[in-house]
């Protein structure tokens, strides 16, 4: 469990680095800032939709909550980890609209961390839910049809 908490702490630390690395979009064309804002809006929408769909199954840890069910509806029809996708879209949008190199580097590090965390989560879900293997075979990790294994 300490590993799980360390992953979550690292995730939030990277999100803080991404936000702190913002330069308020100085010197960026309005169209670039607008594109970043569109990404942020999409990421926020996906984040809320995913969280609401998980309901009582929602946890920041990669280990499922006791008595959890394998959610395969809503955004989970398309990807296994839509909250991670949403965080990456938000971080990418921030980096495009306001960020500098620090935000961009933080986003890349966050992508690697979430990929690692997703692997741990998939293994834990597979151990708890026998139907996870079939779900994983047909559903991408972060993007539809990409990352099935």
N, C-alpha and C. Protein backbone atom coordinates (compact mmCIF):
# COMPACT_ATOMS: atom_id res chain seq x y z
N UNK A 1 0.82 -1.20 0.00
CA UNK A 1 0.00 0.00 0.00
C UNK A 1 0.86 1.26 0.00
N UNK A 2 2.04 1.19 0.58
CA UNK A 2 2.93 2.35 0.56
C UNK A 2 3.32 2.73 -0.87
N UNK A 3 3.51 1.71 -1.71
CA UNK A 3 3.82 1.96 -3.12
C UNK A 3 2.69 2.74 -3.76
N UNK A 4 1.44 2.33 -3.48
CA UNK A 4 0.28 3.01 -4.06
C UNK A 4 0.22 4.47 -3.63
N UNK A 5 0.44 4.72 -2.37
CA UNK A 5 0.40 6.09 -1.86
C UNK A 5 1.55 6.93 -2.44
N UNK A 6 2.71 6.31 -2.63
CA UNK A 6 3.84 7.02 -3.22
C UNK A 6 3.53 7.41 -4.67
N UNK A 7 2.88 6.52 -5.41
CA UNK A 7 2.50 6.83 -6.79
C UNK A 7 1.53 8.01 -6.84
N UNK A 8 0.55 8.00 -5.93
CA UNK A 8 -0.42 9.10 -5.90
C UNK A 8 0.26 10.41 -5.51
N UNK A 9 1.17 10.35 -4.52
CA UNK A 9 1.89 11.56 -4.12
C UNK A 9 2.73 12.09 -5.28
N UNK A 10 3.40 11.20 -6.01
CA UNK A 10 4.19 11.62 -7.16
C UNK A 10 3.31 12.22 -8.25
N UNK A 11 2.14 11.63 -8.44
CA UNK A 11 1.19 12.14 -9.44
C UNK A 11 0.79 13.58 -9.09
N UNK A 12 0.43 13.82 -7.84
CA UNK A 12 0.02 15.17 -7.45
C UNK A 12 1.20 16.15 -7.47
N UNK A 13 2.39 15.67 -7.14
CA UNK A 13 3.57 16.53 -7.22
C UNK A 13 3.83 16.95 -8.66
N UNK A 14 3.70 16.02 -9.60
CA UNK A 14 3.90 16.37 -11.01
C UNK A 14 2.82 17.33 -11.49
N UNK A 15 1.59 17.13 -11.06
CA UNK A 15 0.53 18.08 -11.43
C UNK A 15 0.85 19.48 -10.91
N UNK A 16 1.40 19.56 -9.70
CA UNK A 16 1.79 20.86 -9.14
C UNK A 16 2.92 21.49 -9.96
N UNK A 17 3.88 20.68 -10.39
CA UNK A 17 4.98 21.18 -11.23
C UNK A 17 4.43 21.71 -12.55
N UNK A 18 3.48 20.98 -13.13
CA UNK A 18 2.89 21.40 -14.40
C UNK A 18 2.19 22.74 -14.24
N UNK A 19 1.40 22.87 -13.18
CA UNK A 19 0.68 24.13 -12.96
C UNK A 19 1.64 25.28 -12.64
N UNK A 20 2.66 25.00 -11.83
CA UNK A 20 3.62 26.05 -11.45
C UNK A 20 4.49 26.47 -12.63
N UNK A 21 4.65 25.58 -13.61
CA UNK A 21 5.48 25.89 -14.76
C UNK A 21 4.81 26.79 -15.78
N UNK A 22 3.57 27.15 -15.51
CA UNK A 22 2.83 28.01 -16.44
C UNK A 22 3.36 29.42 -16.44
N UNK A 23 3.33 30.04 -17.61
CA UNK A 23 3.80 31.42 -17.75
C UNK A 23 2.65 32.34 -18.14
N UNK A 24 1.44 31.92 -17.87
CA UNK A 24 0.25 32.70 -18.21
C UNK A 24 0.13 32.98 -19.70
N UNK A 25 0.75 32.17 -20.52
CA UNK A 25 0.59 32.28 -21.96
C UNK A 25 1.29 33.46 -22.60
N UNK A 26 2.16 34.11 -21.86
CA UNK A 26 2.86 35.28 -22.41
C UNK A 26 3.58 34.91 -23.70
N UNK A 27 3.34 35.69 -24.73
CA UNK A 27 4.02 35.50 -26.00
C UNK A 27 3.39 34.45 -26.90
N UNK A 28 2.36 33.80 -26.43
CA UNK A 28 1.71 32.78 -27.25
C UNK A 28 0.56 33.42 -28.03
N UNK A 29 0.41 33.03 -29.28
CA UNK A 29 -0.72 33.57 -30.06
C UNK A 29 -2.06 33.17 -29.41
N UNK A 30 -3.03 34.00 -29.62
CA UNK A 30 -4.36 33.74 -29.07
C UNK A 30 -4.90 32.39 -29.52
N UNK A 31 -4.63 32.01 -30.75
CA UNK A 31 -5.14 30.74 -31.27
C UNK A 31 -4.51 29.55 -30.52
N UNK A 32 -3.25 29.67 -30.13
CA UNK A 32 -2.58 28.60 -29.38
C UNK A 32 -3.17 28.52 -27.98
N UNK A 33 -3.37 29.67 -27.35
CA UNK A 33 -3.99 29.67 -26.02
C UNK A 33 -5.41 29.10 -26.10
N UNK A 34 -6.13 29.43 -27.15
CA UNK A 34 -7.49 28.90 -27.32
C UNK A 34 -7.48 27.39 -27.51
N UNK A 35 -6.52 26.89 -28.28
CA UNK A 35 -6.42 25.44 -28.48
C UNK A 35 -6.15 24.74 -27.15
N UNK A 36 -5.27 25.31 -26.34
CA UNK A 36 -5.00 24.75 -25.02
C UNK A 36 -6.23 24.77 -24.14
N UNK A 37 -7.00 25.83 -24.22
CA UNK A 37 -8.23 25.93 -23.43
C UNK A 37 -9.26 24.90 -23.87
N UNK A 38 -9.34 24.63 -25.17
CA UNK A 38 -10.25 23.59 -25.67
C UNK A 38 -9.83 22.23 -25.13
N UNK A 39 -8.53 21.95 -25.15
CA UNK A 39 -8.04 20.70 -24.57
C UNK A 39 -8.38 20.61 -23.08
N UNK A 40 -8.19 21.71 -22.37
CA UNK A 40 -8.52 21.72 -20.94
C UNK A 40 -10.00 21.45 -20.70
N UNK A 41 -10.85 22.06 -21.50
CA UNK A 41 -12.30 21.84 -21.34
C UNK A 41 -12.65 20.38 -21.61
N UNK A 42 -12.07 19.81 -22.67
CA UNK A 42 -12.32 18.40 -22.97
C UNK A 42 -11.80 17.49 -21.88
N UNK A 43 -10.61 17.77 -21.38
CA UNK A 43 -10.04 16.97 -20.30
C UNK A 43 -10.87 17.05 -19.04
N UNK A 44 -11.34 18.24 -18.71
CA UNK A 44 -12.18 18.41 -17.52
C UNK A 44 -13.50 17.67 -17.68
N UNK A 45 -14.09 17.77 -18.86
CA UNK A 45 -15.34 17.05 -19.10
C UNK A 45 -15.17 15.55 -18.97
N UNK A 46 -14.09 15.02 -19.53
CA UNK A 46 -13.82 13.58 -19.43
C UNK A 46 -13.54 13.18 -17.99
N UNK A 47 -12.84 14.02 -17.26
CA UNK A 47 -12.53 13.74 -15.85
C UNK A 47 -13.82 13.62 -15.03
N UNK A 48 -14.72 14.57 -15.20
CA UNK A 48 -15.98 14.55 -14.45
C UNK A 48 -16.83 13.36 -14.86
N UNK A 49 -16.96 13.12 -16.16
CA UNK A 49 -17.75 11.98 -16.66
C UNK A 49 -17.20 10.66 -16.10
N UNK A 50 -15.88 10.52 -16.13
CA UNK A 50 -15.26 9.28 -15.66
C UNK A 50 -15.46 9.09 -14.16
N UNK A 51 -15.27 10.13 -13.40
CA UNK A 51 -15.45 10.04 -11.95
C UNK A 51 -16.88 9.71 -11.58
N UNK A 52 -17.82 10.35 -12.24
CA UNK A 52 -19.24 10.08 -11.96
C UNK A 52 -19.61 8.65 -12.36
N UNK A 53 -19.03 8.17 -13.44
CA UNK A 53 -19.32 6.81 -13.89
C UNK A 53 -18.78 5.79 -12.89
N UNK A 54 -17.61 6.04 -12.33
CA UNK A 54 -17.05 5.11 -11.35
C UNK A 54 -17.84 5.09 -10.05
N UNK A 55 -18.38 6.23 -9.65
CA UNK A 55 -19.17 6.29 -8.42
C UNK A 55 -18.37 5.81 -7.22
N UNK A 56 -18.91 4.84 -6.50
CA UNK A 56 -18.28 4.36 -5.26
C UNK A 56 -16.98 3.59 -5.53
N UNK A 57 -16.71 3.25 -6.76
CA UNK A 57 -15.47 2.57 -7.11
C UNK A 57 -14.28 3.53 -7.23
N UNK A 58 -14.55 4.83 -7.18
CA UNK A 58 -13.51 5.84 -7.39
C UNK A 58 -12.50 5.84 -6.24
N UNK A 59 -11.24 5.76 -6.58
CA UNK A 59 -10.13 5.88 -5.63
C UNK A 59 -8.92 6.42 -6.38
N UNK A 60 -8.08 7.22 -5.71
CA UNK A 60 -6.86 7.68 -6.38
C UNK A 60 -5.80 6.58 -6.44
N UNK A 61 -5.98 5.54 -5.66
CA UNK A 61 -5.00 4.46 -5.58
C UNK A 61 -5.19 3.48 -6.74
N UNK A 62 -4.11 2.82 -7.17
CA UNK A 62 -4.26 1.85 -8.25
C UNK A 62 -4.87 0.52 -7.81
N UNK A 63 -5.07 0.35 -6.52
CA UNK A 63 -5.70 -0.86 -5.98
C UNK A 63 -7.20 -0.61 -5.86
N UNK A 64 -8.04 -1.49 -6.40
CA UNK A 64 -9.49 -1.26 -6.34
C UNK A 64 -10.00 -1.25 -4.88
N UNK A 65 -11.07 -0.52 -4.67
CA UNK A 65 -11.69 -0.49 -3.35
C UNK A 65 -12.34 -1.85 -3.07
N UNK A 66 -12.47 -2.18 -1.81
CA UNK A 66 -13.11 -3.45 -1.42
C UNK A 66 -14.54 -3.47 -1.93
N UNK A 67 -14.95 -4.60 -2.47
CA UNK A 67 -16.30 -4.75 -2.99
C UNK A 67 -16.55 -4.03 -4.30
N UNK A 68 -15.48 -3.66 -5.00
CA UNK A 68 -15.64 -2.91 -6.25
C UNK A 68 -16.22 -3.80 -7.35
N UNK A 69 -16.74 -3.13 -8.36
CA UNK A 69 -17.20 -3.81 -9.56
C UNK A 69 -16.33 -3.35 -10.72
N UNK A 70 -16.27 -4.13 -11.78
CA UNK A 70 -15.51 -3.74 -12.97
C UNK A 70 -16.43 -2.89 -13.84
N UNK A 71 -16.19 -1.61 -13.89
CA UNK A 71 -17.02 -0.67 -14.64
C UNK A 71 -16.62 -0.73 -16.11
N UNK A 72 -17.62 -0.97 -16.97
CA UNK A 72 -17.38 -1.06 -18.41
C UNK A 72 -18.40 -0.21 -19.19
N UNK A 73 -18.93 0.79 -18.56
CA UNK A 73 -19.91 1.67 -19.21
C UNK A 73 -19.35 3.10 -19.24
N UNK A 74 -20.09 4.00 -19.86
CA UNK A 74 -19.63 5.38 -19.95
C UNK A 74 -18.31 5.43 -20.72
N UNK A 75 -17.37 6.25 -20.27
CA UNK A 75 -16.09 6.34 -20.98
C UNK A 75 -15.28 5.05 -20.89
N UNK A 76 -15.62 4.20 -19.92
CA UNK A 76 -14.92 2.93 -19.75
C UNK A 76 -15.28 1.92 -20.84
N UNK A 77 -16.27 2.23 -21.66
CA UNK A 77 -16.55 1.41 -22.86
C UNK A 77 -15.43 1.54 -23.86
N UNK A 78 -14.77 2.69 -23.86
CA UNK A 78 -13.78 3.02 -24.88
C UNK A 78 -12.34 2.84 -24.41
N UNK A 79 -12.07 3.19 -23.15
CA UNK A 79 -10.71 3.09 -22.60
C UNK A 79 -10.79 2.61 -21.15
N UNK A 80 -9.74 1.92 -20.73
CA UNK A 80 -9.72 1.39 -19.36
C UNK A 80 -9.37 2.45 -18.32
N UNK A 81 -8.67 3.49 -18.71
CA UNK A 81 -8.19 4.49 -17.76
C UNK A 81 -8.53 5.91 -18.22
N UNK A 82 -9.81 6.23 -18.37
CA UNK A 82 -10.16 7.56 -18.88
C UNK A 82 -9.79 8.70 -17.94
N UNK A 83 -9.70 8.45 -16.64
CA UNK A 83 -9.28 9.52 -15.74
C UNK A 83 -7.82 9.88 -16.02
N UNK A 84 -6.99 8.88 -16.29
CA UNK A 84 -5.59 9.16 -16.61
C UNK A 84 -5.51 9.91 -17.94
N UNK A 85 -6.33 9.49 -18.90
CA UNK A 85 -6.38 10.20 -20.18
C UNK A 85 -6.78 11.65 -19.96
N UNK A 86 -7.79 11.86 -19.12
CA UNK A 86 -8.27 13.22 -18.84
C UNK A 86 -7.17 14.07 -18.20
N UNK A 87 -6.43 13.49 -17.26
CA UNK A 87 -5.35 14.24 -16.62
C UNK A 87 -4.27 14.63 -17.63
N UNK A 88 -3.98 13.72 -18.55
CA UNK A 88 -2.96 14.02 -19.56
C UNK A 88 -3.45 15.08 -20.55
N UNK A 89 -4.73 15.03 -20.90
CA UNK A 89 -5.29 16.05 -21.80
C UNK A 89 -5.27 17.41 -21.10
N UNK A 90 -5.65 17.43 -19.81
CA UNK A 90 -5.61 18.68 -19.04
C UNK A 90 -4.19 19.23 -18.95
N UNK A 91 -3.24 18.35 -18.61
CA UNK A 91 -1.85 18.79 -18.49
C UNK A 91 -1.31 19.27 -19.84
N UNK A 92 -1.66 18.55 -20.91
CA UNK A 92 -1.24 18.97 -22.24
C UNK A 92 -1.85 20.30 -22.63
N UNK A 93 -3.12 20.47 -22.33
CA UNK A 93 -3.79 21.74 -22.63
C UNK A 93 -3.17 22.90 -21.89
N UNK A 94 -2.86 22.68 -20.62
CA UNK A 94 -2.20 23.71 -19.81
C UNK A 94 -0.84 24.06 -20.41
N UNK A 95 -0.09 23.02 -20.78
CA UNK A 95 1.24 23.25 -21.35
C UNK A 95 1.17 24.03 -22.66
N UNK A 96 0.17 23.73 -23.47
CA UNK A 96 0.00 24.44 -24.74
C UNK A 96 -0.42 25.89 -24.49
N UNK A 97 -1.42 26.09 -23.63
CA UNK A 97 -2.00 27.42 -23.44
C UNK A 97 -1.13 28.34 -22.61
N UNK A 98 -0.53 27.80 -21.55
CA UNK A 98 0.15 28.67 -20.59
C UNK A 98 1.56 28.25 -20.23
N UNK A 99 1.87 27.02 -20.49
CA UNK A 99 3.09 26.46 -19.95
C UNK A 99 4.36 26.81 -20.68
N UNK A 100 5.40 26.41 -20.04
CA UNK A 100 6.72 26.52 -20.62
C UNK A 100 7.32 25.13 -20.66
N UNK A 101 8.64 25.08 -20.72
CA UNK A 101 9.33 23.80 -20.78
C UNK A 101 9.09 22.98 -19.52
N UNK A 102 8.96 23.63 -18.38
CA UNK A 102 8.73 22.91 -17.13
C UNK A 102 7.40 22.17 -17.18
N UNK A 103 6.37 22.84 -17.66
CA UNK A 103 5.06 22.20 -17.78
C UNK A 103 5.09 21.05 -18.78
N UNK A 104 5.76 21.25 -19.90
CA UNK A 104 5.84 20.20 -20.92
C UNK A 104 6.60 18.99 -20.38
N UNK A 105 7.71 19.23 -19.70
CA UNK A 105 8.49 18.11 -19.13
C UNK A 105 7.67 17.40 -18.06
N UNK A 106 6.97 18.16 -17.24
CA UNK A 106 6.11 17.56 -16.21
C UNK A 106 5.02 16.70 -16.82
N UNK A 107 4.47 17.14 -17.94
CA UNK A 107 3.43 16.37 -18.62
C UNK A 107 3.99 15.05 -19.15
N UNK A 108 5.18 15.08 -19.70
CA UNK A 108 5.81 13.84 -20.18
C UNK A 108 6.11 12.89 -19.03
N UNK A 109 6.60 13.42 -17.92
CA UNK A 109 6.85 12.58 -16.74
C UNK A 109 5.55 12.02 -16.19
N UNK A 110 4.50 12.83 -16.19
CA UNK A 110 3.20 12.36 -15.73
C UNK A 110 2.69 11.23 -16.60
N UNK A 111 2.89 11.32 -17.91
CA UNK A 111 2.47 10.25 -18.81
C UNK A 111 3.16 8.94 -18.46
N UNK A 112 4.46 8.99 -18.19
CA UNK A 112 5.18 7.79 -17.81
C UNK A 112 4.69 7.23 -16.48
N UNK A 113 4.47 8.11 -15.53
CA UNK A 113 3.98 7.67 -14.21
C UNK A 113 2.60 7.02 -14.33
N UNK A 114 1.70 7.66 -15.09
CA UNK A 114 0.35 7.11 -15.23
C UNK A 114 0.36 5.79 -16.00
N UNK A 115 1.26 5.64 -16.94
CA UNK A 115 1.40 4.36 -17.66
C UNK A 115 1.80 3.26 -16.69
N UNK A 116 2.75 3.56 -15.81
CA UNK A 116 3.19 2.60 -14.80
C UNK A 116 2.04 2.28 -13.83
N UNK A 117 1.37 3.31 -13.38
CA UNK A 117 0.25 3.14 -12.44
C UNK A 117 -0.88 2.34 -13.08
N UNK A 118 -1.13 2.56 -14.36
CA UNK A 118 -2.18 1.82 -15.07
C UNK A 118 -1.85 0.34 -15.14
N UNK A 119 -0.58 -0.01 -15.32
CA UNK A 119 -0.17 -1.41 -15.33
C UNK A 119 -0.44 -2.09 -14.00
N UNK A 120 -0.14 -1.38 -12.92
CA UNK A 120 -0.41 -1.92 -11.57
C UNK A 120 -1.91 -2.08 -11.38
N UNK A 121 -2.67 -1.08 -11.81
CA UNK A 121 -4.13 -1.13 -11.67
C UNK A 121 -4.73 -2.26 -12.50
N UNK A 122 -4.26 -2.45 -13.72
CA UNK A 122 -4.77 -3.54 -14.55
C UNK A 122 -4.51 -4.90 -13.89
N UNK A 123 -3.32 -5.08 -13.33
CA UNK A 123 -3.00 -6.34 -12.66
C UNK A 123 -3.90 -6.56 -11.45
N UNK A 124 -4.15 -5.52 -10.67
CA UNK A 124 -5.01 -5.63 -9.50
C UNK A 124 -6.46 -5.92 -9.90
N UNK A 125 -6.92 -5.27 -10.96
CA UNK A 125 -8.29 -5.52 -11.43
C UNK A 125 -8.43 -6.94 -11.98
N UNK A 126 -7.40 -7.41 -12.69
CA UNK A 126 -7.44 -8.77 -13.24
C UNK A 126 -7.48 -9.81 -12.11
N UNK A 127 -6.77 -9.53 -11.03
CA UNK A 127 -6.77 -10.47 -9.90
C UNK A 127 -8.13 -10.52 -9.20
N UNK A 128 -8.84 -9.40 -9.24
CA UNK A 128 -10.13 -9.32 -8.53
C UNK A 128 -11.32 -9.65 -9.43
N UNK A 129 -11.21 -9.38 -10.73
CA UNK A 129 -12.34 -9.54 -11.64
C UNK A 129 -11.94 -10.42 -12.82
N UNK A 130 -12.43 -11.66 -12.87
CA UNK A 130 -12.06 -12.57 -13.97
C UNK A 130 -12.40 -12.02 -15.36
N UNK A 131 -13.43 -11.20 -15.47
CA UNK A 131 -13.85 -10.65 -16.77
C UNK A 131 -12.91 -9.55 -17.27
N UNK A 132 -11.93 -9.16 -16.46
CA UNK A 132 -11.01 -8.09 -16.86
C UNK A 132 -10.18 -8.48 -18.08
N UNK A 133 -9.82 -9.75 -18.21
CA UNK A 133 -8.99 -10.18 -19.36
C UNK A 133 -9.69 -9.89 -20.68
N UNK A 134 -10.97 -10.22 -20.77
CA UNK A 134 -11.72 -9.97 -22.00
C UNK A 134 -11.90 -8.46 -22.22
N UNK A 135 -12.17 -7.73 -21.15
CA UNK A 135 -12.32 -6.28 -21.22
C UNK A 135 -11.02 -5.64 -21.73
N UNK A 136 -9.91 -6.09 -21.18
CA UNK A 136 -8.61 -5.56 -21.57
C UNK A 136 -8.28 -5.88 -23.03
N UNK A 137 -8.68 -7.05 -23.48
CA UNK A 137 -8.40 -7.47 -24.86
C UNK A 137 -9.13 -6.61 -25.89
N UNK A 138 -10.25 -6.02 -25.52
CA UNK A 138 -11.03 -5.24 -26.48
C UNK A 138 -10.97 -3.73 -26.25
N UNK A 139 -10.32 -3.29 -25.16
CA UNK A 139 -10.36 -1.88 -24.78
C UNK A 139 -8.93 -1.34 -24.62
N UNK A 140 -8.65 -0.20 -25.23
CA UNK A 140 -7.34 0.43 -25.10
C UNK A 140 -7.11 0.98 -23.70
N UNK A 141 -5.85 1.18 -23.36
CA UNK A 141 -5.52 1.68 -22.03
C UNK A 141 -5.89 3.16 -21.88
N UNK A 142 -5.37 4.02 -22.74
CA UNK A 142 -5.63 5.45 -22.65
C UNK A 142 -6.39 6.01 -23.84
N UNK A 143 -6.27 5.34 -24.97
CA UNK A 143 -6.98 5.74 -26.19
C UNK A 143 -7.70 4.52 -26.74
N UNK A 144 -8.86 4.71 -27.37
CA UNK A 144 -9.58 3.56 -27.91
C UNK A 144 -8.70 2.73 -28.83
N UNK A 145 -8.74 1.43 -28.62
CA UNK A 145 -8.05 0.43 -29.45
C UNK A 145 -6.52 0.49 -29.40
N UNK A 146 -5.95 1.34 -28.55
CA UNK A 146 -4.50 1.43 -28.44
C UNK A 146 -4.10 1.01 -27.05
N UNK A 147 -3.16 0.10 -26.97
CA UNK A 147 -2.67 -0.34 -25.67
C UNK A 147 -3.40 -1.54 -25.12
N UNK A 148 -4.01 -2.32 -26.01
CA UNK A 148 -4.66 -3.55 -25.57
C UNK A 148 -3.58 -4.62 -25.44
N UNK A 149 -3.59 -5.31 -24.35
CA UNK A 149 -2.67 -6.43 -24.16
C UNK A 149 -3.05 -7.22 -22.96
